[in-house]
Amino acid sequence: MDATIHVCRGCKPRDAAPGIVPHACRGPCGAPGRIVVSGPGRWSWLLAGISPGEDITALATFLDVWRLAPAGLVPKNDRPERLRPKILGRVPPPNQFMT
């Protein structure tokens, strides 16, 4: 399962790896290190306060769990403890919206 990590231009590391897409803003502006993890047909996740040096291992673990979770919906107990307070929200895939 492919994941895309969207990062605010102001937060994007200069040596960012492939699969990281810069965006003008991911909000909230008061919290640096804002990213969105997304993939086709999967739940998207908004995180803030991510530090490349300190959170990279927890983020890699989250991505592994997200890839294995049905439709990317990661239960709270399966989220790395270090990232739990940094998760601002999640958005269901478009086909999950009720009309």
C-alpha atoms as a PDB file:
ATOM      1  CA  MET A   1       0.000   0.000   0.000  1.00  0.00           C
ATOM      2  CA  ASP A   2       1.440   3.310  -1.062  1.00  0.00           C
ATOM      3  CA  ALA A   3       1.419   6.196   1.375  1.00  0.00           C
ATOM      4  CA  THR A   4       1.912   9.848   0.627  1.00  0.00           C
ATOM      5  CA  ILE A   5       3.116  12.200   3.329  1.00  0.00           C
ATOM      6  CA  HIS A   6       2.012  15.790   2.739  1.00  0.00           C
ATOM      7  CA  VAL A   7       4.170  18.352   4.565  1.00  0.00           C
ATOM      8  CA  CYS A   8       3.812  22.131   4.905  1.00  0.00           C
ATOM      9  CA  ARG A   9       6.439  23.895   2.811  1.00  0.00           C
ATOM     10  CA  GLY A  10       7.681  25.679   5.925  1.00  0.00           C
ATOM     11  CA  CYS A  11       8.131  22.333   7.689  1.00  0.00           C
ATOM     12  CA  LYS A  12       9.572  20.287   4.806  1.00  0.00           C
ATOM     13  CA  PRO A  13      13.109  19.114   5.484  1.00  0.00           C
ATOM     14  CA  ARG A  14      15.547  20.055   2.719  1.00  0.00           C
ATOM     15  CA  ASP A  15      16.585  16.421   2.285  1.00  0.00           C
ATOM     16  CA  ALA A  16      13.023  15.060   2.144  1.00  0.00           C
ATOM     17  CA  ALA A  17      12.635  11.574   0.731  1.00  0.00           C
ATOM     18  CA  PRO A  18      10.487  10.642  -2.272  1.00  0.00           C
ATOM     19  CA  GLY A  19       6.813  10.290  -1.350  1.00  0.00           C
ATOM     20  CA  ILE A  20       6.826  13.570   0.584  1.00  0.00           C
ATOM     21  CA  VAL A  21       4.712  16.230  -1.109  1.00  0.00           C
ATOM     22  CA  PRO A  22       5.059  19.899  -0.056  1.00  0.00           C
ATOM     23  CA  HIS A  23       1.889  21.980   0.413  1.00  0.00           C
ATOM     24  CA  ALA A  24       1.270  25.623   1.231  1.00  0.00           C
ATOM     25  CA  CYS A  25      -0.429  24.829   4.549  1.00  0.00           C
ATOM     26  CA  ARG A  26      -1.697  21.840   6.490  1.00  0.00           C
ATOM     27  CA  GLY A  27      -2.920  23.967   9.472  1.00  0.00           C
ATOM     28  CA  PRO A  28      -2.926  24.696  12.383  1.00  0.00           C
ATOM     29  CA  CYS A  29      -0.351  27.420  11.877  1.00  0.00           C
ATOM     30  CA  GLY A  30       0.667  27.545  15.543  1.00  0.00           C
ATOM     31  CA  ALA A  31       2.102  24.023  15.479  1.00  0.00           C
ATOM     32  CA  PRO A  32       5.159  23.332  13.302  1.00  0.00           C
ATOM     33  CA  GLY A  33       5.820  19.902  11.865  1.00  0.00           C
ATOM     34  CA  ARG A  34       2.377  19.441  10.307  1.00  0.00           C
ATOM     35  CA  ILE A  35       1.883  16.414   8.069  1.00  0.00           C
ATOM     36  CA  VAL A  36      -0.930  14.436   6.503  1.00  0.00           C
ATOM     37  CA  VAL A  37      -0.612  10.722   5.783  1.00  0.00           C
ATOM     38  CA  SER A  38      -2.900   9.593   2.976  1.00  0.00           C
ATOM     39  CA  GLY A  39      -3.398   6.887   0.383  1.00  0.00           C
ATOM     40  CA  PRO A  40      -6.023   5.861  -2.164  1.00  0.00           C
ATOM     41  CA  GLY A  41      -9.131   4.412  -0.499  1.00  0.00           C
ATOM     42  CA  ARG A  42      -7.658   4.797   2.987  1.00  0.00           C
ATOM     43  CA  TRP A  43      -8.229   6.989   6.038  1.00  0.00           C
ATOM     44  CA  SER A  44      -6.027  10.114   6.084  1.00  0.00           C
ATOM     45  CA  TRP A  45      -4.373  11.339   9.277  1.00  0.00           C
ATOM     46  CA  LEU A  46      -3.401  14.900  10.289  1.00  0.00           C
ATOM     47  CA  LEU A  47      -0.516  15.227  12.749  1.00  0.00           C
ATOM     48  CA  ALA A  48       1.259  18.292  14.162  1.00  0.00           C
ATOM     49  CA  GLY A  49       4.432  18.854  16.119  1.00  0.00           C
ATOM     50  CA  ILE A  50       6.338  16.165  14.241  1.00  0.00           C
ATOM     51  CA  SER A  51      10.093  16.479  14.642  1.00  0.00           C
ATOM     52  CA  PRO A  52      12.104  14.665  11.953  1.00  0.00           C
ATOM     53  CA  GLY A  53      14.874  13.889  14.418  1.00  0.00           C
ATOM     54  CA  GLU A  54      12.768  12.785  17.366  1.00  0.00           C
ATOM     55  CA  ASP A  55       9.635  11.297  15.789  1.00  0.00           C
ATOM     56  CA  ILE A  56      10.931   9.486  12.708  1.00  0.00           C
ATOM     57  CA  THR A  57      10.897   6.030  14.347  1.00  0.00           C
ATOM     58  CA  ALA A  58       7.379   6.497  15.742  1.00  0.00           C
ATOM     59  CA  LEU A  59       6.197   7.853  12.378  1.00  0.00           C
ATOM     60  CA  ALA A  60       7.682   4.847  10.557  1.00  0.00           C
ATOM     61  CA  THR A  61       5.895   2.536  13.021  1.00  0.00           C
ATOM     62  CA  PHE A  62       2.625   4.417  12.480  1.00  0.00           C
ATOM     63  CA  LEU A  63       3.003   4.073   8.693  1.00  0.00           C
ATOM     64  CA  ASP A  64       3.561   0.313   9.049  1.00  0.00           C
ATOM     65  CA  VAL A  65       0.459  -0.056  11.236  1.00  0.00           C
ATOM     66  CA  TRP A  66      -1.557   2.238   8.916  1.00  0.00           C
ATOM     67  CA  ARG A  67      -0.621   0.120   5.888  1.00  0.00           C
ATOM     68  CA  LEU A  68      -1.777  -3.073   7.637  1.00  0.00           C
ATOM     69  CA  ALA A  69      -4.969  -1.620   9.149  1.00  0.00           C
ATOM     70  CA  PRO A  70      -8.194  -2.173   7.209  1.00  0.00           C
ATOM     71  CA  ALA A  71      -8.683   0.973   5.088  1.00  0.00           C
ATOM     72  CA  GLY A  72      -6.008   2.727   7.191  1.00  0.00           C
ATOM     73  CA  LEU A  73      -8.234   3.102  10.258  1.00  0.00           C
ATOM     74  CA  VAL A  74      -5.714   2.655  13.086  1.00  0.00           C
ATOM     75  CA  PRO A  75      -7.216   1.880  16.526  1.00  0.00           C
ATOM     76  CA  LYS A  76      -5.916   4.089  19.347  1.00  0.00           C
ATOM     77  CA  ASN A  77      -4.082   1.240  21.071  1.00  0.00           C
ATOM     78  CA  ASP A  78      -2.162   0.498  17.858  1.00  0.00           C
ATOM     79  CA  ARG A  79      -0.905   4.084  17.437  1.00  0.00           C
ATOM     80  CA  PRO A  80       2.617   4.750  18.736  1.00  0.00           C
ATOM     81  CA  GLU A  81       2.278   6.326  22.167  1.00  0.00           C
ATOM     82  CA  ARG A  82       4.705   9.112  21.218  1.00  0.00           C
ATOM     83  CA  LEU A  83       2.401  10.232  18.374  1.00  0.00           C
ATOM     84  CA  ARG A  84      -0.955   9.975  20.157  1.00  0.00           C
ATOM     85  CA  PRO A  85      -0.972  13.589  21.416  1.00  0.00           C
ATOM     86  CA  LYS A  86       0.238  14.772  17.999  1.00  0.00           C
ATOM     87  CA  ILE A  87      -2.680  13.284  16.058  1.00  0.00           C
ATOM     88  CA  LEU A  88      -5.126  16.095  15.383  1.00  0.00           C
ATOM     89  CA  GLY A  89      -7.648  14.159  13.369  1.00  0.00           C
ATOM     90  CA  ARG A  90      -8.493  11.618  10.720  1.00  0.00           C
ATOM     91  CA  VAL A  91     -10.612  11.769   7.583  1.00  0.00           C
ATOM     92  CA  PRO A  92     -12.346   8.769   6.029  1.00  0.00           C
ATOM     93  CA  PRO A  93     -11.738   7.895   2.393  1.00  0.00           C
ATOM     94  CA  PRO A  94     -14.188   9.565  -0.014  1.00  0.00           C
ATOM     95  CA  ASN A  95     -16.199   6.358  -0.482  1.00  0.00           C
ATOM     96  CA  GLN A  96     -16.932   6.305   3.275  1.00  0.00           C
ATOM     97  CA  PHE A  97     -18.819   9.605   3.364  1.00  0.00           C
ATOM     98  CA  MET A  98     -22.546   9.319   3.916  1.00  0.00           C
ATOM     99  CA  THR A  99     -24.837  11.459   1.762  1.00  0.00           C
END
